[in-house]
Structures are given as structure tokens and as C-alpha cells.
Amino acid sequence: MSSRRLKIILSYDGTNFFGWQIQNKGRTVQGVLEDGLLRMHKHPVRVTASGRTDSGVHANGQVCHFDTELDIPGAKYKDALNTFLPDDISVIESGYTDDGFHARYSAKRRVYKYYLTDLPGYTVFNRYFCTKVRNLPGIDSLNACAGGLVGIHDFTTFTSAGDKSESRVREIYSAVFYREGSFTVFKIEGNAFLWKMIRSIVGSILKYAVVKDGGKGFLSAMESRDRTMAGTTAPAKGLFFHKVYY
């Protein structure tokens, strides 16, 4: 039987992974997923993701594609693959797609969420999935900063020194903080993101939101294209790759 392209939506707890991409050392999401596919297919299967996540970052809507010759109904493929995966990875949706589909290059928008909480909201049960902030600014102060992100900007200020992207320009469609139970959630949607960009943005907003006219200060920092103007990069454990639009 000839191969067909399969699209899957993947969720994973990034706590015990060294990020998405296969490395020489360390357990990675791609490595564990491809090991499961190897045991299914009896030969190597390369998986392509919509975007890489760093060490410790989680996902509840990562999209991947790969080609398979196995005669398994598309919607049932997730059940078959999950039997070869550990408990901290789960395929939540699967289906065949056209051969021209590419998880990364066909993507139009990507959505991330970052979870913050104050001291009373931080518990033994959520400690791996949110960041504790002792004096968490109010929603209005946080959004006074976040609103300046929307549009097309050069995000050099919020880029890691190791980022190898040719351009630091990205388009942000929405960026907003809101309450969700005991959490303050930052939701950001854009065409693409630079390495550690979202975590740097969160850390920088926490820096500027506590001062007078913090929104103006944050915007000036972004426009300066000066990495020394950014705040401390927020921890990976609060970040979730939430959704991809095609």
C-alpha cells in the first residue's frame, strides 16, 4: 500500500523533556514520538511539527505530520499510536490529509498561553504548569503593556541571543491577559514566534506593569530593539503551545 500523509494533534507535559527537537543527549518529544512510530512501522518515520517548543514547555495543541503506509483508519490512528507512547505524551486527534499539507509551512497562526498565579493560587498540584509571582500586577496594568504588541514589529528586544532567524519581524494578531480560575493567563496569537520570545515578553511585562505608565515603558523597550531593556525571561513551565490555525 502506498503511503498517505497523516495529521495529528499532540498534547504533552514538557516537564521531563528537553524540548521538541531531537538532540544528541536528552529526552525529547520528537525523539519519543518517532521511537513509538518506529515500533509501529518497523522502520524510521520522520515527524514534522508546526513549531518547536523549548525544554520544559508544554503543549495541548501541537500539530504534526508524517507519512505512513499502515492501513489504519485516520480517526483510529491516535488510539494505535498512543499505545506506543508514554503517559506524558498523548495524541488527541488524528486524520489523513492531502500530500501538500505541511505542519509548519501551511500554518497561518499560532496561539500560546502563559499561566501565572499569585502565592495563594500556587499549589503542589499545579506547580509544574504555572509560574508563581509574589506581587502579581492587576489585569489592567498587564494589558496596558500587552496591547502594544499587536501589529507588525521588530521583536529584537525580546529575542534570545542564540536565535538564528534572519528577520526579527513578526506579526501579532492579539495579546491579552485575563483571569481563569486562580490563574492569570496571557494569550498571544501571531504568525510565528522567535526563540524564547513569549517568555521574554511575559518577563518584560511583569517588569514594566508595576511602574507608573508601564505601558509606555514597555512599548519604548520594544521599539528600542535593545535586549538589555527586557525583563527576566519567564520560566518555561508556565508556557503552553495552545493551538495552530491553517
Protein backbone atom coordinates (compact mmCIF):
# COMPACT_ATOMS: atom_id res chain seq x y z
CA MET A 1 0.00 0.00 0.00
CA SER A 2 1.31 3.46 -0.87
CA SER A 3 1.93 5.93 1.94
CA ARG A 4 -0.53 8.63 2.97
CA ARG A 5 0.04 11.80 4.95
CA LEU A 6 -1.33 11.82 8.47
CA LYS A 7 -2.01 14.92 10.57
CA ILE A 8 -2.10 14.60 14.34
CA ILE A 9 -2.78 16.97 17.23
CA LEU A 10 -0.50 16.24 20.11
CA SER A 11 -0.52 17.16 23.80
CA TYR A 12 2.44 16.72 26.14
CA ASP A 13 3.72 17.61 29.56
CA GLY A 14 7.08 19.21 28.84
CA THR A 15 8.43 18.84 32.38
CA ASN A 16 10.68 15.87 31.62
CA PHE A 17 11.57 16.75 28.02
CA PHE A 18 14.49 18.70 26.64
CA GLY A 19 12.13 20.38 24.20
CA TRP A 20 10.66 19.18 20.91
CA GLN A 21 13.69 18.69 18.66
CA ILE A 22 15.87 15.58 18.72
CA GLN A 23 19.25 16.24 20.34
CA ASN A 24 22.42 14.23 20.87
CA LYS A 25 21.63 14.00 24.58
CA GLY A 26 18.38 14.23 26.47
CA ARG A 27 14.81 13.01 26.10
CA THR A 28 12.81 14.99 23.51
CA VAL A 29 9.20 14.94 22.33
CA GLN A 30 10.20 14.29 18.72
CA GLY A 31 12.54 11.52 19.77
CA VAL A 32 9.94 9.71 21.89
CA LEU A 33 7.24 10.13 19.22
CA GLU A 34 9.49 8.83 16.45
CA ASP A 35 10.54 5.90 18.64
CA GLY A 36 6.88 4.96 19.00
CA LEU A 37 6.37 5.20 15.25
CA LEU A 38 9.47 3.10 14.66
CA ARG A 39 8.00 0.31 16.76
CA MET A 40 4.71 0.59 14.87
CA HIS A 41 6.18 0.70 11.37
CA LYS A 42 9.35 -1.37 11.86
CA HIS A 43 11.30 1.39 10.12
CA PRO A 44 12.14 5.05 10.89
CA VAL A 45 9.38 7.63 10.38
CA ARG A 46 10.25 11.34 10.38
CA VAL A 47 7.78 13.68 12.09
CA THR A 48 7.42 17.39 11.32
CA ALA A 49 5.86 19.74 13.90
CA SER A 50 4.16 23.10 13.46
CA GLY A 51 6.72 24.66 15.79
CA ARG A 52 9.47 23.70 18.19
CA THR A 53 8.98 24.03 21.93
CA ASP A 54 11.84 24.57 24.38
CA SER A 55 12.82 22.43 27.33
CA GLY A 56 10.04 22.41 29.92
CA VAL A 57 7.38 23.96 27.66
CA HIS A 58 4.06 22.13 27.38
CA ALA A 59 1.58 21.69 24.53
CA ASN A 60 -2.11 20.95 24.27
CA GLY A 61 -2.43 21.66 20.56
CA GLN A 62 0.85 20.84 18.81
CA VAL A 63 0.22 19.79 15.20
CA CYS A 64 2.46 17.29 13.39
CA HIS A 65 2.50 15.39 10.14
CA PHE A 66 4.19 12.26 8.86
CA ASP A 67 3.71 9.74 6.07
CA THR A 68 2.51 6.23 6.82
CA GLU A 69 1.72 3.13 4.79
CA LEU A 70 -0.14 1.38 7.62
CA ASP A 71 -3.76 0.50 6.87
CA ILE A 72 -5.33 2.17 9.91
CA PRO A 73 -8.42 4.43 9.72
CA GLY A 74 -7.36 8.04 10.20
CA ALA A 75 -9.53 8.74 13.24
CA LYS A 76 -8.37 5.49 14.88
CA TYR A 77 -4.67 6.12 14.29
CA LYS A 78 -4.40 8.09 17.53
CA ASP A 79 -5.50 5.08 19.56
CA ALA A 80 -2.95 2.84 17.88
CA LEU A 81 -0.10 5.32 18.30
CA ASN A 82 -0.93 6.13 21.92
CA THR A 83 -0.29 2.52 22.89
CA PHE A 84 3.37 3.11 21.94
CA LEU A 85 3.71 6.41 23.84
CA PRO A 86 4.47 7.20 27.50
CA ASP A 87 1.99 8.85 29.82
CA ASP A 88 3.35 12.39 29.32
CA ILE A 89 2.52 12.41 25.57
CA SER A 90 -0.91 11.85 24.04
CA VAL A 91 -2.28 12.10 20.51
CA ILE A 92 -5.70 13.70 20.93
CA GLU A 93 -6.76 13.80 17.26
CA SER A 94 -5.65 12.14 14.01
CA GLY A 95 -6.72 12.05 10.39
CA TYR A 96 -5.41 11.77 6.85
CA THR A 97 -4.76 14.93 4.88
CA ASP A 98 -3.56 15.84 1.42
CA ASP A 99 0.08 15.32 0.49
CA GLY A 100 0.62 19.07 0.20
CA PHE A 101 -0.14 19.69 3.86
CA HIS A 102 2.88 20.73 5.93
CA ALA A 103 2.51 21.13 9.68
CA ARG A 104 4.97 24.04 9.77
CA TYR A 105 4.76 25.80 6.43
CA SER A 106 0.98 25.50 6.00
CA ALA A 107 0.35 27.12 9.39
CA LYS A 108 -1.18 30.61 9.32
CA ARG A 109 -1.44 31.44 13.03
CA ARG A 110 -0.07 30.02 16.25
CA VAL A 111 -1.53 30.54 19.71
CA TYR A 112 0.30 30.26 23.01
CA LYS A 113 -0.89 30.65 26.58
CA TYR A 114 1.20 31.51 29.62
CA TYR A 115 -0.15 30.73 33.10
CA LEU A 116 0.68 32.88 36.13
CA THR A 117 -0.64 32.74 39.67
CA ASP A 118 -0.11 34.51 42.99
CA LEU A 119 1.00 32.83 46.21
CA PRO A 120 -2.46 31.59 47.34
CA GLY A 121 -3.13 30.09 43.89
CA TYR A 122 0.15 28.16 43.71
CA THR A 123 -0.29 24.57 44.86
CA VAL A 124 1.51 21.24 44.86
CA PHE A 125 -0.82 20.15 42.05
CA ASN A 126 -0.15 22.99 39.59
CA ARG A 127 3.50 23.74 40.39
CA TYR A 128 4.76 22.29 37.09
CA PHE A 129 2.25 24.16 34.94
CA CYS A 130 2.30 27.80 36.07
CA THR A 131 4.67 30.44 37.36
CA LYS A 132 4.30 31.88 40.84
CA VAL A 133 4.52 35.67 41.12
CA ARG A 134 4.62 37.15 44.61
CA ASN A 135 3.13 40.53 43.71
CA LEU A 136 1.20 39.82 40.53
CA PRO A 137 0.10 43.07 38.80
CA GLY A 138 -3.58 43.62 38.06
CA ILE A 139 -5.16 42.73 34.73
CA ASP A 140 -5.50 46.36 33.63
CA SER A 141 -1.81 47.08 34.24
CA LEU A 142 -0.77 43.92 32.40
CA ASN A 143 -3.00 44.68 29.41
CA ALA A 144 -1.69 48.26 29.23
CA CYS A 145 1.59 46.63 28.22
CA ALA A 146 0.24 43.74 26.17
CA GLY A 147 -1.83 45.98 23.89
CA GLY A 148 1.33 47.45 22.37
CA LEU A 149 2.32 44.05 20.97
CA VAL A 150 -0.46 43.90 18.40
CA GLY A 151 0.68 44.64 14.86
CA ILE A 152 3.89 44.14 12.88
CA HIS A 153 7.01 44.84 14.94
CA ASP A 154 10.69 44.09 15.19
CA PHE A 155 10.95 41.94 18.34
CA THR A 156 14.73 42.06 18.78
CA THR A 157 14.27 43.27 22.38
CA PHE A 158 12.52 40.02 23.27
CA THR A 159 14.77 37.65 21.32
CA SER A 160 17.31 35.27 22.80
CA ALA A 161 20.91 35.91 21.80
CA GLY A 162 21.02 32.43 20.26
CA ASP A 163 18.13 32.97 17.87
CA LYS A 164 19.28 32.39 14.30
CA SER A 165 16.26 33.86 12.48
CA GLU A 166 17.13 36.05 9.52
CA SER A 167 14.41 38.54 10.47
CA ARG A 168 13.16 39.56 13.92
CA VAL A 169 9.94 41.00 12.46
CA ARG A 170 6.73 39.18 13.38
CA GLU A 171 3.01 39.99 13.28
CA ILE A 172 0.93 39.67 16.43
CA TYR A 173 -2.84 39.43 15.94
CA SER A 174 -3.89 39.54 19.59
CA ALA A 175 -2.28 39.66 23.03
CA VAL A 176 -4.34 39.79 26.20
CA PHE A 177 -4.32 38.89 29.89
CA TYR A 178 -7.43 37.51 31.56
CA ARG A 179 -8.47 35.61 34.67
CA GLU A 180 -9.17 31.87 34.55
CA GLY A 181 -9.96 30.48 37.99
CA SER A 182 -6.91 31.03 40.19
CA PHE A 183 -4.73 31.83 37.17
CA THR A 184 -3.87 34.98 35.28
CA VAL A 185 -3.47 33.84 31.68
CA PHE A 186 -1.58 35.57 28.90
CA LYS A 187 -2.87 34.53 25.47
CA ILE A 188 -0.94 35.60 22.40
CA GLU A 189 -1.62 34.82 18.75
CA GLY A 190 0.81 35.53 15.92
CA ASN A 191 2.05 34.31 12.57
CA ALA A 192 5.23 32.95 14.16
CA PHE A 193 7.47 33.49 17.18
CA LEU A 194 11.18 33.84 17.82
CA TRP A 195 13.17 31.65 20.21
CA LYS A 196 12.08 32.36 23.82
CA MET A 197 10.20 35.43 22.59
CA ILE A 198 6.98 34.78 24.51
CA ARG A 199 8.73 34.06 27.77
CA SER A 200 10.78 37.23 27.37
CA ILE A 201 7.62 39.21 26.67
CA VAL A 202 5.96 37.86 29.82
CA GLY A 203 9.00 38.64 31.95
CA SER A 204 9.21 42.13 30.47
CA ILE A 205 5.53 42.86 31.04
CA LEU A 206 5.94 41.80 34.68
CA LYS A 207 8.83 44.25 34.90
CA TYR A 208 7.02 47.25 33.43
CA ALA A 209 3.44 46.64 34.64
CA VAL A 210 4.36 47.54 38.23
CA VAL A 211 5.61 51.05 37.43
CA LYS A 212 3.77 54.25 36.53
CA ASP A 213 2.98 54.48 32.80
CA GLY A 214 4.21 50.90 32.44
CA GLY A 215 2.53 50.53 29.07
CA LYS A 216 4.58 53.38 27.65
CA GLY A 217 7.74 51.99 29.19
CA PHE A 218 7.11 48.55 27.74
CA LEU A 219 6.42 49.98 24.29
CA SER A 220 9.62 52.05 24.43
CA ALA A 221 11.57 48.94 25.39
CA MET A 222 10.13 47.02 22.45
CA GLU A 223 10.83 49.82 20.00
CA SER A 224 14.40 50.23 21.26
CA ARG A 225 15.42 46.81 19.84
CA ASP A 226 17.75 46.65 22.84
CA ARG A 227 17.78 43.30 24.67
CA THR A 228 19.06 44.95 27.86
CA MET A 229 15.68 46.69 28.14
CA ALA A 230 13.83 43.38 28.51
CA GLY A 231 12.88 41.84 31.84
CA THR A 232 13.99 38.46 33.15
CA THR A 233 12.81 35.67 30.86
CA ALA A 234 9.83 33.90 32.46
CA PRO A 235 10.21 30.19 33.35
CA ALA A 236 9.34 27.59 30.72
CA LYS A 237 6.87 25.69 32.89
CA GLY A 238 4.11 28.31 32.56
CA LEU A 239 4.06 28.21 28.75
CA PHE A 240 1.68 26.12 26.64
CA PHE A 241 1.61 25.75 22.85
CA HIS A 242 -2.17 26.03 22.62
CA LYS A 243 -3.39 25.93 19.02
CA VAL A 244 -2.49 26.23 15.33
CA TYR A 245 -4.69 27.65 12.58
CA TYR A 246 -4.34 26.58 8.93
